Protein backbone atom coordinates (compact mmCIF):
# COMPACT_ATOMS: atom_id res chain seq x y z
CA UNK A 1 32.13 -12.06 -38.65
CA UNK A 2 29.17 -12.20 -36.65
CA UNK A 3 28.29 -10.25 -34.00
CA UNK A 4 26.06 -10.86 -31.04
CA UNK A 5 23.82 -8.25 -29.23
CA UNK A 6 22.50 -9.22 -25.74
CA UNK A 7 19.22 -9.68 -25.60
CA UNK A 8 16.89 -6.83 -24.42
CA UNK A 9 15.78 -6.92 -20.31
CA UNK A 10 12.41 -7.72 -20.04
CA UNK A 11 11.10 -5.53 -16.70
CA UNK A 12 7.79 -6.42 -15.69
CA UNK A 13 5.27 -3.53 -16.79
CA UNK A 14 3.47 -1.36 -14.42
CA UNK A 15 0.24 -3.84 -14.89
CA UNK A 16 2.15 -7.35 -14.05
CA UNK A 17 4.12 -4.90 -10.64
CA UNK A 18 0.50 -3.59 -9.57
CA UNK A 19 -1.24 -6.69 -9.95
CA UNK A 20 1.65 -8.71 -7.68
CA UNK A 21 2.23 -6.13 -5.12
CA UNK A 22 -1.93 -6.48 -4.70
CA UNK A 23 -1.57 -10.55 -4.47
CA UNK A 24 0.98 -10.03 -1.94
CA UNK A 25 -0.85 -7.84 0.27
CA UNK A 26 -4.07 -10.52 0.58
CA UNK A 27 -1.77 -13.86 1.26
CA UNK A 28 0.04 -11.01 3.71
CA UNK A 29 -3.78 -10.89 5.44
CA UNK A 30 -4.73 -14.59 4.73
CA UNK A 31 -1.39 -15.44 6.22
CA UNK A 32 -1.63 -13.06 9.18
CA UNK A 33 -4.83 -15.03 9.75
CA UNK A 34 -3.65 -18.57 9.51
CA UNK A 35 -0.77 -17.39 12.09
CA UNK A 36 -3.48 -16.14 14.36
CA UNK A 37 -5.57 -19.51 14.64
CA UNK A 38 -2.45 -21.39 15.40
CA UNK A 39 -1.56 -18.82 17.93
CA UNK A 40 -5.06 -19.11 19.26
CA UNK A 41 -5.59 -23.51 19.28
CA UNK A 42 -2.63 -23.41 21.15
CA UNK A 43 -3.48 -20.72 23.29
CA UNK A 44 -6.37 -22.56 24.15
CA UNK A 45 -8.93 -19.81 21.85
CA UNK A 46 -7.43 -17.09 24.86
CA UNK A 47 -7.41 -14.39 21.36
CA UNK A 48 -11.21 -14.65 20.75
CA UNK A 49 -11.64 -11.75 23.55
CA UNK A 50 -10.42 -9.44 21.29
CA UNK A 51 -13.30 -9.56 18.52
CA UNK A 52 -15.45 -6.77 18.35
CA UNK A 53 -17.54 -6.83 21.78
CA UNK A 54 -20.83 -4.54 21.64
CA UNK A 55 -20.71 -1.33 22.81
CA UNK A 56 -17.59 -1.40 24.61
CA UNK A 57 -14.62 0.94 25.27
CA UNK A 58 -12.42 -2.66 25.29
CA UNK A 59 -14.35 -3.82 22.21
CA UNK A 60 -13.58 -1.08 19.82
CA UNK A 61 -9.99 -2.94 19.67
CA UNK A 62 -12.27 -5.88 17.91
CA UNK A 63 -12.52 -3.57 14.57
CA UNK A 64 -9.17 -4.02 13.89
CA UNK A 65 -8.27 -7.84 15.78
CA UNK A 66 -11.72 -9.53 14.80
CA UNK A 67 -11.29 -10.18 11.19
CA UNK A 68 -7.64 -11.84 11.79
CA UNK A 69 -9.59 -14.49 15.07
CA UNK A 70 -11.98 -17.26 14.10
CA UNK A 71 -13.73 -19.89 15.87
CA UNK A 72 -11.69 -22.93 15.02
CA UNK A 73 -9.64 -23.76 11.69
CA UNK A 74 -13.41 -24.85 10.05
CA UNK A 75 -14.46 -21.34 10.91
CA UNK A 76 -11.45 -19.93 9.05
CA UNK A 77 -11.37 -22.26 5.93
CA UNK A 78 -15.10 -21.38 4.92
CA UNK A 79 -13.59 -17.42 5.16
CA UNK A 80 -10.21 -18.19 3.06
CA UNK A 81 -12.10 -19.38 0.48
CA UNK A 82 -14.00 -16.52 -0.65
CA UNK A 83 -11.36 -14.18 0.25
CA UNK A 84 -8.95 -15.54 -1.91
CA UNK A 85 -10.89 -15.44 -4.82
CA UNK A 86 -12.98 -12.15 -3.86
CA UNK A 87 -10.00 -10.90 -2.60
CA UNK A 88 -7.78 -11.08 -6.29
CA UNK A 89 -9.96 -10.24 -8.25
CA UNK A 90 -9.88 -6.58 -5.80
CA UNK A 91 -6.00 -7.10 -5.67
CA UNK A 92 -5.81 -6.82 -9.96
CA UNK A 93 -6.33 -3.02 -8.86
CA UNK A 94 -3.24 -3.52 -6.82
CA UNK A 95 -1.87 -3.26 -3.10
CA UNK A 96 -3.15 -0.04 -2.23
CA UNK A 97 -6.64 -0.88 -3.52
CA UNK A 98 -7.03 -3.70 -1.52
CA UNK A 99 -5.92 -2.22 1.12
CA UNK A 100 -8.52 0.83 0.67
CA UNK A 101 -11.30 -1.52 0.40
CA UNK A 102 -10.24 -3.72 3.39
CA UNK A 103 -10.13 -0.82 5.66
CA UNK A 104 -12.63 0.92 4.76
CA UNK A 105 -14.82 -2.29 5.25
CA UNK A 106 -13.46 -3.50 8.46
CA UNK A 107 -13.51 0.05 10.09
CA UNK A 108 -17.00 1.22 9.19
CA UNK A 109 -18.18 -1.83 8.48
CA UNK A 110 -16.44 -3.15 12.28
CA UNK A 111 -17.74 0.03 14.19
CA UNK A 112 -21.40 -0.36 12.66
CA UNK A 113 -21.43 -4.11 13.99
CA UNK A 114 -20.18 -2.81 17.67
CA UNK A 115 -22.95 -0.31 17.54
CA UNK A 116 -25.84 -2.55 16.64
CA UNK A 117 -24.95 -6.35 18.18
CA UNK A 118 -26.73 -7.67 21.06
CA UNK A 119 -25.29 -6.10 24.36
CA UNK A 120 -22.41 -8.64 25.44
CA UNK A 121 -21.87 -10.97 22.41
CA UNK A 122 -18.22 -11.11 20.82
CA UNK A 123 -18.09 -10.32 17.12
CA UNK A 124 -14.75 -12.66 14.87
CA UNK A 125 -14.11 -13.60 11.72
CA UNK A 126 -13.61 -12.33 8.64
CA UNK A 127 -16.97 -12.95 7.08
CA UNK A 128 -17.73 -9.14 7.24
CA UNK A 129 -14.58 -8.65 4.69
CA UNK A 130 -16.08 -11.95 2.90
CA UNK A 131 -18.89 -9.69 2.04
CA UNK A 132 -17.86 -6.23 2.11
CA UNK A 133 -15.40 -7.65 -0.99
CA UNK A 134 -18.58 -9.45 -2.75
CA UNK A 135 -20.58 -5.98 -2.37
CA UNK A 136 -17.05 -4.09 -3.17
CA UNK A 137 -17.28 -5.56 -7.10
CA UNK A 138 -20.92 -5.69 -7.33
CA UNK A 139 -20.99 -2.09 -7.08
CA UNK A 140 -17.87 -0.98 -8.48
CA UNK A 141 -19.03 -1.35 -11.91
CA UNK A 142 -22.30 0.66 -11.40
CA UNK A 143 -20.56 3.50 -10.80
CA UNK A 144 -17.45 2.96 -12.68
CA UNK A 145 -19.72 2.02 -15.79
CA UNK A 146 -17.19 -0.33 -17.14
CA UNK A 147 -18.97 -3.39 -18.73
CA UNK A 148 -15.65 -5.99 -17.42
CA UNK A 149 -16.64 -4.69 -13.94
CA UNK A 150 -20.29 -5.32 -14.11
CA UNK A 151 -19.56 -8.61 -15.77
CA UNK A 152 -17.37 -9.35 -12.75
CA UNK A 153 -20.47 -8.53 -10.16
CA UNK A 154 -22.68 -10.36 -12.21
CA UNK A 155 -20.03 -14.13 -11.61
CA UNK A 156 -19.79 -12.90 -8.26
CA UNK A 157 -23.74 -12.58 -7.72
CA UNK A 158 -24.17 -15.70 -9.59
CA UNK A 159 -21.50 -17.72 -7.45
CA UNK A 160 -21.94 -16.33 -4.37
CA UNK A 161 -25.04 -14.51 -4.35
CA UNK A 162 -27.56 -17.04 -2.40
CA UNK A 163 -25.05 -17.69 0.60
CA UNK A 164 -24.77 -14.14 0.65
CA UNK A 165 -28.00 -13.39 1.18
CA UNK A 166 -28.62 -16.57 3.13
CA UNK A 167 -26.02 -15.43 5.58
CA UNK A 168 -27.59 -12.23 6.11
CA UNK A 169 -30.90 -13.82 7.77
CA UNK A 170 -30.83 -14.06 11.45
CA UNK A 171 -29.14 -17.09 12.79
CA UNK A 172 -27.37 -18.32 16.22
CA UNK A 173 -24.09 -17.83 16.49
CA UNK A 174 -23.63 -16.09 13.55
CA UNK A 175 -23.08 -12.06 13.26
CA UNK A 176 -26.07 -11.31 10.44
CA UNK A 177 -25.15 -7.59 11.14
CA UNK A 178 -21.24 -8.04 10.54
CA UNK A 179 -22.24 -9.50 7.06
CA UNK A 180 -24.83 -6.43 6.70
CA UNK A 181 -22.82 -3.87 7.51
CA UNK A 182 -19.39 -5.45 6.01
CA UNK A 183 -21.87 -5.63 2.51
CA UNK A 184 -23.08 -1.79 2.93
CA UNK A 185 -19.30 -0.80 3.86
CA UNK A 186 -18.26 -2.55 0.30
CA UNK A 187 -20.77 -0.43 -1.41
CA UNK A 188 -19.25 2.56 0.20
CA UNK A 189 -16.03 1.96 -0.62
CA UNK A 190 -17.47 1.73 -3.95
CA UNK A 191 -18.31 4.78 -4.18
CA UNK A 192 -15.41 6.41 -2.47
CA UNK A 193 -13.22 4.25 -4.82
CA UNK A 194 -15.10 5.04 -8.40
CA UNK A 195 -13.10 6.14 -11.29
CA UNK A 196 -14.73 9.65 -11.37
CA UNK A 197 -14.33 10.63 -7.58
CA UNK A 198 -10.24 9.58 -8.01
CA UNK A 199 -9.77 11.56 -11.05
CA UNK A 200 -11.61 14.78 -9.58
């Protein structure tokens, strides 16, 4: 007489759960951007007024809302592709890591953009997050001194370095301030979230 025992139940490990949570948060961010653009298009772009309006009290709201607003679907698509890739690399560290980087880049970079942009200009779009994510990934390996993270940073430089540097040059209709201060905030996020600081 033979007997069988039930197969062991495989539960996702902490790593799988962490990555899954990070990717879900990334999907939520990008989903909100697309929903916002659909609504904005239906409302004849009336939501764009809620971007970052330089040095005005009302414009401070845009620090939180500007990354979710875009100047049409072409603008949104151009930001979505690098956001998915760069955001996924950060999401490996979990939802809280991606949230922390996004919050630091969005608030610090957005506030600096609000302070430095020309009067009466409205800044919208997630490109500040793109520059912040890229800068975070490049600087993270230097602060943590981890070879794998350094290699990821080098790949980011090789793939997006030229486009990122070009985005820092003053151009009509493009917020180089948002790009520059988004990148600076990304470096700050890498320093604030470095392994040594978190374990001390």
